[in-house]
Amino acid sequence: MPDRADAPPFDAAAYVDAASVACGLKLSPAMRAGAIANIERTSAFARLLDDEAGLAQAEPAPVFRPGPP
């Protein structure tokens, strides 16, 4: 996994603006503010997972294979 220490800070407003243009959406100021708040919240959750030590090295859970009845 690449080191994100030198990555620029995430700009939720720029992301919402670019994504709305790419999707052809015209957001009202209230909708834009809500979308930005939602993306910021989602980004905070993602950072929690991304910062978790050893998460990338964790072994996947075993696959359940039911036996005969």
Protein backbone atom coordinates (compact mmCIF):
# COMPACT_ATOMS: atom_id res chain seq x y z
CA MET A 1 0.00 0.00 0.00
CA PRO A 2 1.43 3.41 -0.91
CA ASP A 3 2.46 5.80 1.82
CA ARG A 4 -0.08 8.60 2.17
CA ALA A 5 2.08 10.81 4.37
CA ASP A 6 2.97 13.11 1.47
CA ALA A 7 -0.50 13.09 -0.08
CA PRO A 8 -2.29 16.44 -0.15
CA PRO A 9 -5.20 16.79 2.28
CA PHE A 10 -8.55 15.61 0.97
CA ASP A 11 -10.73 18.46 -0.33
CA ALA A 12 -14.34 17.30 -0.04
CA ALA A 13 -15.72 20.45 -1.69
CA ALA A 14 -13.48 20.02 -4.74
CA TYR A 15 -14.48 16.34 -4.93
CA VAL A 16 -18.21 17.13 -4.79
CA ASP A 17 -17.82 19.87 -7.41
CA ALA A 18 -15.88 17.61 -9.79
CA ALA A 19 -18.13 14.60 -9.24
CA SER A 20 -21.31 16.61 -9.80
CA VAL A 21 -19.94 17.95 -13.09
CA ALA A 22 -18.81 14.47 -14.16
CA CYS A 23 -22.28 13.09 -13.39
CA GLY A 24 -24.11 16.02 -14.96
CA LEU A 25 -25.78 17.01 -11.68
CA LYS A 26 -26.79 20.54 -10.84
CA LEU A 27 -26.65 20.85 -7.05
CA SER A 28 -28.43 23.62 -5.17
CA PRO A 29 -26.30 25.29 -2.49
CA ALA A 30 -28.14 23.32 0.22
CA MET A 31 -27.65 20.01 -1.61
CA ARG A 32 -23.97 20.83 -2.21
CA ALA A 33 -23.44 21.58 1.50
CA GLY A 34 -25.10 18.29 2.45
CA ALA A 35 -23.04 16.35 -0.07
CA ILE A 36 -19.83 17.92 1.20
CA ALA A 37 -20.74 17.07 4.81
CA ASN A 38 -21.51 13.49 3.79
CA ILE A 39 -18.23 13.07 1.88
CA GLU A 40 -16.25 14.57 4.79
CA ARG A 41 -17.91 12.12 7.21
CA THR A 42 -17.28 9.18 4.88
CA SER A 43 -13.66 10.26 4.46
CA ALA A 44 -13.21 10.34 8.25
CA PHE A 45 -14.48 6.75 8.51
CA ALA A 46 -12.13 5.68 5.72
CA ARG A 47 -9.18 7.32 7.51
CA LEU A 48 -10.00 5.31 10.65
CA LEU A 49 -9.74 2.09 8.67
CA ASP A 50 -6.72 3.24 6.70
CA ASP A 51 -4.83 4.23 9.86
CA GLU A 52 -5.51 0.90 11.61
CA ALA A 53 -2.11 -0.74 12.15
CA GLY A 54 -1.77 -4.13 10.54
CA LEU A 55 -5.12 -4.07 8.77
CA ALA A 56 -3.47 -4.64 5.40
CA GLN A 57 -1.57 -7.65 6.78
CA ALA A 58 -4.62 -9.26 8.40
CA GLU A 59 -5.47 -12.74 7.18
CA PRO A 60 -8.86 -13.19 5.58
CA ALA A 61 -11.43 -15.20 7.44
CA PRO A 62 -11.82 -18.84 6.40
CA VAL A 63 -14.51 -19.64 3.86
CA PHE A 64 -17.49 -21.52 5.27
CA ARG A 65 -18.26 -24.67 3.36
CA PRO A 66 -21.25 -26.55 4.73
CA GLY A 67 -20.87 -30.28 5.12
CA PRO A 68 -23.41 -32.89 4.18
CA PRO A 69 -26.62 -32.80 6.25
